[in-house]
Amino acid sequence: MPLNPRVTFHSIMGNWGRDRPPEKSSDGVVPYTSSHLDGVKSEKIVPAGHNSHLNPEAIAEMRRILREHIGAAPLPAR
């Protein structure tokens, strides 16, 4: 199914492959080649398995994306 070009979308995906390049990585269930989408505004690969939504880097990226979409200022670096 084609994606609507008027919709902004982002990808956050896990890589549990021990420093493998993205094209050879996987979250343990879905390979990068299947999860990668052309046309994303941003793509973040985090060191995690299929439960990457629990990864602190993934959570921080989601917060960044949400803040960007509401027009809020970026959070200061920790």
N, C-alpha and C. Protein backbone atom coordinates (compact mmCIF):
# COMPACT_ATOMS: atom_id res chain seq x y z
N MET A 1 0.84 -1.16 0.00
CA MET A 1 0.00 0.00 0.00
C MET A 1 0.91 1.24 0.00
N PRO A 2 0.70 2.16 -0.91
CA PRO A 2 1.55 3.35 -0.95
C PRO A 2 1.29 4.27 0.24
N LEU A 3 2.33 4.94 0.66
CA LEU A 3 2.22 5.90 1.76
C LEU A 3 1.78 7.25 1.21
N ASN A 4 0.97 7.96 1.96
CA ASN A 4 0.49 9.27 1.55
C ASN A 4 1.65 10.26 1.62
N PRO A 5 2.02 10.90 0.52
CA PRO A 5 3.16 11.82 0.53
C PRO A 5 2.92 13.07 1.38
N ARG A 6 1.67 13.33 1.77
CA ARG A 6 1.39 14.49 2.62
C ARG A 6 1.59 14.19 4.11
N VAL A 7 1.85 12.93 4.43
CA VAL A 7 2.03 12.52 5.82
C VAL A 7 3.52 12.40 6.13
N THR A 8 3.95 13.08 7.19
CA THR A 8 5.33 12.98 7.65
C THR A 8 5.45 11.73 8.52
N PHE A 9 6.44 10.91 8.23
CA PHE A 9 6.63 9.73 9.06
C PHE A 9 8.10 9.51 9.37
N HIS A 10 8.34 8.81 10.46
CA HIS A 10 9.67 8.56 11.00
C HIS A 10 9.80 7.06 11.27
N SER A 11 11.03 6.57 11.32
CA SER A 11 11.27 5.17 11.67
C SER A 11 12.21 5.08 12.86
N ILE A 12 11.85 4.23 13.79
CA ILE A 12 12.73 3.88 14.91
C ILE A 12 12.78 2.36 14.91
N MET A 13 13.97 1.80 14.76
CA MET A 13 14.08 0.35 14.68
C MET A 13 15.26 -0.17 15.48
N GLY A 14 15.14 -1.38 15.92
CA GLY A 14 16.19 -2.00 16.72
C GLY A 14 17.23 -2.70 15.86
N ASN A 15 18.44 -2.77 16.39
CA ASN A 15 19.52 -3.53 15.78
C ASN A 15 20.24 -4.26 16.91
N TRP A 16 20.07 -5.53 16.97
CA TRP A 16 20.74 -6.31 18.00
C TRP A 16 21.93 -7.06 17.42
N GLY A 17 22.41 -6.62 16.23
CA GLY A 17 23.44 -7.32 15.48
C GLY A 17 24.87 -6.99 15.82
N ARG A 18 25.15 -6.39 16.95
CA ARG A 18 26.52 -6.15 17.37
C ARG A 18 27.33 -5.40 16.32
N ASP A 19 26.94 -4.16 16.11
CA ASP A 19 27.67 -3.25 15.21
C ASP A 19 27.62 -3.65 13.74
N ARG A 20 26.61 -4.36 13.35
CA ARG A 20 26.45 -4.67 11.92
C ARG A 20 26.01 -3.41 11.20
N PRO A 21 26.38 -3.26 9.93
CA PRO A 21 25.86 -2.12 9.16
C PRO A 21 24.34 -2.27 9.00
N PRO A 22 23.63 -1.15 8.86
CA PRO A 22 22.16 -1.21 8.81
C PRO A 22 21.61 -2.24 7.82
N GLU A 23 22.17 -2.31 6.63
CA GLU A 23 21.61 -3.21 5.62
C GLU A 23 21.75 -4.69 5.98
N LYS A 24 22.55 -5.00 7.00
CA LYS A 24 22.70 -6.39 7.45
C LYS A 24 22.16 -6.59 8.86
N SER A 25 21.46 -5.58 9.38
CA SER A 25 21.00 -5.65 10.76
C SER A 25 19.57 -6.19 10.85
N SER A 26 19.16 -6.45 12.08
CA SER A 26 17.83 -6.97 12.38
C SER A 26 17.53 -6.69 13.84
N ASP A 27 16.26 -6.65 14.17
CA ASP A 27 15.89 -6.55 15.58
C ASP A 27 15.66 -7.94 16.17
N GLY A 28 16.03 -8.97 15.43
CA GLY A 28 15.85 -10.34 15.85
C GLY A 28 14.59 -10.97 15.29
N VAL A 29 13.69 -10.14 14.76
CA VAL A 29 12.46 -10.63 14.14
C VAL A 29 12.34 -10.07 12.72
N VAL A 30 12.53 -8.77 12.59
CA VAL A 30 12.35 -8.10 11.29
C VAL A 30 13.70 -7.58 10.80
N PRO A 31 14.14 -7.99 9.60
CA PRO A 31 15.39 -7.46 9.08
C PRO A 31 15.24 -5.99 8.67
N TYR A 32 16.36 -5.27 8.73
CA TYR A 32 16.36 -3.86 8.35
C TYR A 32 15.78 -3.68 6.95
N THR A 33 16.12 -4.57 6.05
CA THR A 33 15.65 -4.43 4.66
C THR A 33 14.13 -4.44 4.57
N SER A 34 13.45 -5.05 5.55
CA SER A 34 11.98 -5.04 5.56
C SER A 34 11.42 -3.85 6.34
N SER A 35 12.15 -3.39 7.34
CA SER A 35 11.63 -2.30 8.16
C SER A 35 11.98 -0.91 7.62
N HIS A 36 12.99 -0.82 6.77
CA HIS A 36 13.40 0.47 6.20
C HIS A 36 12.35 0.96 5.21
N LEU A 37 12.00 2.22 5.31
CA LEU A 37 11.05 2.84 4.39
C LEU A 37 11.70 4.06 3.74
N ASP A 38 11.64 4.13 2.43
CA ASP A 38 12.12 5.32 1.73
C ASP A 38 11.17 6.48 2.03
N GLY A 39 11.72 7.67 2.12
CA GLY A 39 10.90 8.86 2.29
C GLY A 39 10.65 9.28 3.72
N VAL A 40 11.25 8.58 4.70
CA VAL A 40 11.05 8.99 6.09
C VAL A 40 11.75 10.31 6.35
N LYS A 41 11.20 11.08 7.27
CA LYS A 41 11.85 12.33 7.65
C LYS A 41 13.09 12.04 8.48
N SER A 42 13.01 11.00 9.32
CA SER A 42 14.17 10.58 10.10
C SER A 42 14.12 9.08 10.31
N GLU A 43 15.30 8.51 10.47
CA GLU A 43 15.42 7.09 10.76
C GLU A 43 16.43 6.94 11.89
N LYS A 44 16.02 6.27 12.96
CA LYS A 44 16.90 6.07 14.11
C LYS A 44 17.00 4.57 14.35
N ILE A 45 18.23 4.07 14.40
CA ILE A 45 18.49 2.68 14.72
C ILE A 45 19.07 2.64 16.12
N VAL A 46 18.42 1.88 17.01
CA VAL A 46 18.84 1.81 18.40
C VAL A 46 19.35 0.40 18.71
N PRO A 47 20.28 0.28 19.67
CA PRO A 47 20.81 -1.04 20.02
C PRO A 47 19.79 -1.81 20.86
N ALA A 48 18.89 -2.50 20.18
CA ALA A 48 17.82 -3.22 20.87
C ALA A 48 17.28 -4.31 19.97
N GLY A 49 16.53 -5.20 20.57
CA GLY A 49 15.84 -6.23 19.82
C GLY A 49 14.46 -5.74 19.39
N HIS A 50 13.54 -6.69 19.20
CA HIS A 50 12.20 -6.37 18.72
C HIS A 50 11.40 -5.55 19.73
N ASN A 51 11.89 -5.47 20.96
CA ASN A 51 11.23 -4.66 21.98
C ASN A 51 11.89 -3.28 22.08
N SER A 52 12.32 -2.74 20.96
CA SER A 52 13.05 -1.47 20.95
C SER A 52 12.25 -0.31 21.52
N HIS A 53 10.94 -0.44 21.60
CA HIS A 53 10.12 0.64 22.19
C HIS A 53 10.45 0.85 23.66
N LEU A 54 11.14 -0.10 24.28
CA LEU A 54 11.54 0.03 25.69
C LEU A 54 12.94 0.62 25.84
N ASN A 55 13.66 0.77 24.75
CA ASN A 55 15.03 1.27 24.77
C ASN A 55 15.05 2.77 25.07
N PRO A 56 15.90 3.23 25.99
CA PRO A 56 15.95 4.67 26.31
C PRO A 56 16.24 5.56 25.10
N GLU A 57 17.06 5.10 24.17
CA GLU A 57 17.34 5.90 22.96
C GLU A 57 16.10 6.02 22.09
N ALA A 58 15.32 4.95 22.00
CA ALA A 58 14.09 4.99 21.21
C ALA A 58 13.06 5.91 21.87
N ILE A 59 12.98 5.86 23.18
CA ILE A 59 12.05 6.73 23.91
C ILE A 59 12.44 8.19 23.72
N ALA A 60 13.73 8.49 23.81
CA ALA A 60 14.21 9.86 23.60
C ALA A 60 13.92 10.33 22.18
N GLU A 61 14.06 9.44 21.21
CA GLU A 61 13.77 9.81 19.82
C GLU A 61 12.28 10.08 19.63
N MET A 62 11.45 9.29 20.24
CA MET A 62 10.00 9.53 20.15
C MET A 62 9.64 10.89 20.76
N ARG A 63 10.23 11.19 21.89
CA ARG A 63 9.99 12.50 22.52
C ARG A 63 10.46 13.62 21.60
N ARG A 64 11.62 13.44 20.96
CA ARG A 64 12.14 14.45 20.03
C ARG A 64 11.17 14.67 18.87
N ILE A 65 10.67 13.59 18.32
CA ILE A 65 9.74 13.68 17.19
C ILE A 65 8.45 14.37 17.61
N LEU A 66 7.91 13.99 18.75
CA LEU A 66 6.67 14.61 19.23
C LEU A 66 6.86 16.10 19.48
N ARG A 67 7.97 16.46 20.10
CA ARG A 67 8.24 17.88 20.36
C ARG A 67 8.39 18.64 19.04
N GLU A 68 9.05 18.03 18.08
CA GLU A 68 9.20 18.67 16.77
C GLU A 68 7.84 18.93 16.14
N HIS A 69 6.95 17.98 16.21
CA HIS A 69 5.65 18.10 15.56
C HIS A 69 4.70 19.06 16.26
N ILE A 70 4.92 19.33 17.54
CA ILE A 70 4.09 20.34 18.20
C ILE A 70 4.75 21.72 18.17
N GLY A 71 5.95 21.77 17.60
CA GLY A 71 6.64 23.05 17.48
C GLY A 71 7.36 23.48 18.73
N ALA A 72 7.61 22.55 19.63
CA ALA A 72 8.31 22.90 20.88
C ALA A 72 9.81 22.95 20.67
N ALA A 73 10.46 23.70 21.51
CA ALA A 73 11.93 23.78 21.44
C ALA A 73 12.54 22.44 21.81
N PRO A 74 13.67 22.08 21.21
CA PRO A 74 14.35 20.84 21.58
C PRO A 74 14.74 20.86 23.05
N LEU A 75 14.76 19.69 23.65
CA LEU A 75 15.21 19.59 25.04
C LEU A 75 16.71 19.80 25.10
N PRO A 76 17.22 20.39 26.16
CA PRO A 76 18.67 20.57 26.27
C PRO A 76 19.37 19.23 26.40
N ALA A 77 20.60 19.15 25.91
CA ALA A 77 21.39 17.92 26.01
C ALA A 77 21.69 17.63 27.46
N ARG A 78 21.71 16.35 27.80
CA ARG A 78 22.01 15.97 29.19
C ARG A 78 23.47 15.74 29.37
